[in-house]
Amino acid sequence: MQAPSAIISKLDLTGDQPTVGVLMALCEENYRALMQLVPRLASLSGVQVSGRPGHTYLQLEVIEQARYTTTFRLTHVFPSGGDRADWLPEPDATLKAYHDAEQVEVLDLRQTALPIFSHYESPALRTKWKANLFLSKWLGWCLRDGHRIGPDAGRRSHASSTPSPSVA
């Protein structure tokens, strides 16, 4: 088990009233973890996948590349027991990375593991905090599981040239 990050270990994770400064620090930490997971995010396009056949896949789909930002969808795809058409996206997040500010923002988050985060709707500070805290834990898990995405990420990552699991 990986030790908590410096930011996480200093925070009151049960607090109901996070501050804007603490949220910004968490967004910066998430960006650093994202850059370990996807080092060349600012230069990617299309769909990229990390995983092994028969196991869960981590799929990244670049929605938009701009000069200082990347908007993308990050989805963990789990087999539901049938063929690839039955694979389930869980969690499924739309994120925006601000490369100049070195932060990542959760635009949309759908997952069922923690019902409190079942759908990201409100722009309220507390809701943003919870969504970004979930992202922090998810990115940490992906890194510990060995996922890396991009052309220099190693043997477990590849650009999708075949149809990816259905995640619509």
Protein backbone atom coordinates (compact mmCIF):
# COMPACT_ATOMS: atom_id res chain seq x y z
CA MET A 1 0.00 0.00 0.00
CA GLN A 2 1.34 3.39 -0.97
CA ALA A 3 1.73 6.02 1.77
CA PRO A 4 -0.63 8.99 1.56
CA SER A 5 0.72 11.98 -0.32
CA ALA A 6 1.95 15.04 1.53
CA ILE A 7 -1.24 16.96 0.69
CA ILE A 8 -3.62 14.13 1.62
CA SER A 9 -1.83 13.40 4.91
CA LYS A 10 -2.25 17.05 5.99
CA LEU A 11 -5.94 17.33 5.15
CA ASP A 12 -9.05 16.68 7.20
CA LEU A 13 -10.70 14.27 4.76
CA THR A 14 -13.88 14.16 6.81
CA GLY A 15 -14.33 17.92 6.90
CA ASP A 16 -17.57 19.24 5.49
CA GLN A 17 -16.16 22.64 4.53
CA PRO A 18 -13.03 22.42 2.39
CA THR A 19 -11.46 25.72 1.38
CA VAL A 20 -10.71 26.91 -2.14
CA GLY A 21 -6.99 26.77 -1.35
CA VAL A 22 -7.18 23.14 -0.24
CA LEU A 23 -9.19 22.25 -3.35
CA MET A 24 -6.57 23.93 -5.56
CA ALA A 25 -3.79 22.00 -3.80
CA LEU A 26 -5.67 18.75 -4.44
CA CYS A 27 -6.12 19.68 -8.14
CA GLU A 28 -2.36 20.29 -8.36
CA GLU A 29 -1.62 16.94 -6.73
CA ASN A 30 -4.03 15.21 -9.11
CA TYR A 31 -2.22 16.85 -12.05
CA ARG A 32 1.13 15.48 -10.83
CA ALA A 33 -0.36 11.97 -10.55
CA LEU A 34 -1.95 12.35 -13.99
CA MET A 35 1.43 13.28 -15.49
CA GLN A 36 2.89 10.06 -14.05
CA LEU A 37 0.02 8.11 -15.59
CA VAL A 38 -0.03 10.00 -18.93
CA PRO A 39 3.30 11.83 -19.29
CA ARG A 40 2.62 13.12 -22.83
CA LEU A 41 -1.04 14.05 -22.36
CA ALA A 42 -0.59 17.45 -24.02
CA SER A 43 0.49 15.79 -27.28
CA LEU A 44 -1.94 12.84 -27.45
CA SER A 45 -5.01 12.48 -29.63
CA GLY A 46 -7.69 9.88 -30.13
CA VAL A 47 -8.13 6.88 -27.87
CA GLN A 48 -5.30 5.40 -25.82
CA VAL A 49 -5.60 2.21 -23.75
CA SER A 50 -3.58 0.66 -20.95
CA GLY A 51 -4.17 -2.92 -19.85
CA ARG A 52 -3.78 -6.58 -20.57
CA PRO A 53 -6.22 -8.77 -22.53
CA GLY A 54 -8.79 -10.29 -20.20
CA HIS A 55 -8.19 -7.71 -17.48
CA THR A 56 -9.55 -4.27 -16.82
CA TYR A 57 -8.59 -1.59 -19.29
CA LEU A 58 -7.92 2.03 -18.55
CA GLN A 59 -9.06 4.04 -21.54
CA LEU A 60 -8.27 7.68 -22.25
CA GLU A 61 -10.08 9.51 -25.04
CA VAL A 62 -8.86 12.98 -25.95
CA ILE A 63 -11.87 15.18 -26.62
CA GLU A 64 -10.05 18.45 -27.27
CA GLN A 65 -6.45 19.64 -27.34
CA ALA A 66 -5.88 23.38 -26.97
CA ARG A 67 -2.73 25.42 -26.45
CA TYR A 68 -2.79 25.20 -22.63
CA THR A 69 -5.49 22.60 -21.92
CA THR A 70 -6.52 19.05 -22.71
CA THR A 71 -10.10 17.89 -22.24
CA PHE A 72 -10.39 14.12 -22.06
CA ARG A 73 -12.43 11.20 -20.84
CA LEU A 74 -10.82 8.64 -18.52
CA THR A 75 -12.67 5.37 -18.10
CA HIS A 76 -11.84 2.13 -16.37
CA VAL A 77 -13.53 -0.62 -18.35
CA PHE A 78 -14.45 -3.81 -16.50
CA PRO A 79 -15.64 -7.02 -18.15
CA SER A 80 -19.19 -7.89 -17.16
CA GLY A 81 -18.77 -11.56 -17.94
CA GLY A 82 -19.75 -11.52 -21.60
CA ASP A 83 -18.06 -10.34 -24.74
CA ARG A 84 -16.48 -6.91 -25.20
CA ALA A 85 -19.84 -5.36 -26.04
CA ASP A 86 -20.85 -6.06 -22.43
CA TRP A 87 -17.90 -4.27 -20.82
CA LEU A 88 -18.88 -1.63 -18.28
CA PRO A 89 -17.25 1.80 -17.85
CA GLU A 90 -16.60 2.35 -14.14
CA PRO A 91 -15.65 4.98 -13.09
CA ASP A 92 -16.13 7.29 -16.04
CA ALA A 93 -14.80 10.84 -15.79
CA THR A 94 -14.51 13.82 -18.09
CA LEU A 95 -11.51 15.86 -17.03
CA LYS A 96 -9.75 19.05 -18.11
CA ALA A 97 -6.01 19.41 -17.59
CA TYR A 98 -4.63 22.94 -17.36
CA HIS A 99 -1.01 22.45 -18.39
CA ASP A 100 0.06 26.03 -17.64
CA ALA A 101 -1.42 26.00 -14.12
CA GLU A 102 -0.56 22.30 -13.60
CA GLN A 103 -4.04 21.41 -12.38
CA VAL A 104 -6.75 19.00 -13.44
CA GLU A 105 -10.47 19.69 -13.03
CA VAL A 106 -13.27 17.12 -12.83
CA LEU A 107 -15.98 18.19 -15.31
CA ASP A 108 -18.14 15.10 -14.94
CA LEU A 109 -17.83 11.97 -12.79
CA ARG A 110 -19.99 8.88 -12.96
CA GLN A 111 -19.38 5.86 -10.78
CA THR A 112 -21.31 3.58 -8.46
CA ALA A 113 -18.69 2.38 -5.97
CA LEU A 114 -19.43 5.32 -3.68
CA PRO A 115 -23.08 6.31 -4.15
CA ILE A 116 -22.43 9.77 -2.77
CA PHE A 117 -20.52 10.50 -6.00
CA SER A 118 -23.07 8.90 -8.33
CA HIS A 119 -23.21 11.95 -10.61
CA TYR A 120 -21.25 15.17 -10.58
CA GLU A 121 -23.81 17.95 -11.01
CA SER A 122 -23.31 20.81 -8.59
CA PRO A 123 -20.53 23.37 -8.86
CA ALA A 124 -20.51 23.68 -5.07
CA LEU A 125 -17.09 23.61 -3.41
CA ARG A 126 -17.89 20.54 -1.30
CA THR A 127 -19.03 18.55 -4.34
CA LYS A 128 -15.91 19.55 -6.30
CA TRP A 129 -13.79 18.53 -3.31
CA LYS A 130 -15.38 15.08 -3.13
CA ALA A 131 -15.06 14.50 -6.89
CA ASN A 132 -11.39 15.52 -6.84
CA LEU A 133 -10.70 13.40 -3.77
CA PHE A 134 -12.21 10.43 -5.60
CA LEU A 135 -10.02 11.25 -8.63
CA SER A 136 -6.95 11.36 -6.38
CA LYS A 137 -7.65 7.87 -5.03
CA TRP A 138 -8.49 6.50 -8.48
CA LEU A 139 -5.29 7.89 -10.08
CA GLY A 140 -3.26 6.44 -7.21
CA TRP A 141 -4.85 3.04 -7.74
CA CYS A 142 -4.18 3.17 -11.49
CA LEU A 143 -0.51 3.99 -10.87
CA ARG A 144 -0.11 1.22 -8.27
CA ASP A 145 -1.76 -1.22 -10.71
CA GLY A 146 0.93 -0.40 -13.27
CA HIS A 147 -1.14 1.55 -15.78
CA ARG A 148 0.67 4.03 -18.02
CA ILE A 149 -0.75 5.67 -21.14
CA GLY A 150 1.06 7.07 -24.15
CA PRO A 151 3.72 6.20 -26.71
CA ASP A 152 6.56 6.04 -24.17
CA ALA A 153 4.57 4.38 -21.40
CA GLY A 154 5.75 0.82 -21.89
CA ARG A 155 4.33 -2.47 -23.04
CA ARG A 156 0.98 -2.21 -21.24
CA SER A 157 -0.14 0.87 -23.12
CA HIS A 158 -1.16 1.14 -26.73
CA ALA A 159 -3.07 3.41 -29.04
CA SER A 160 -6.34 1.81 -29.97
CA SER A 161 -6.29 0.66 -33.57
CA THR A 162 -9.05 -1.85 -33.01
CA PRO A 163 -12.48 -1.13 -31.62
CA SER A 164 -12.29 -0.44 -27.91
CA PRO A 165 -14.71 -1.85 -25.37
CA SER A 166 -18.09 -0.22 -25.70
CA VAL A 167 -18.27 2.58 -23.16
CA ALA A 168 -21.17 4.60 -24.49
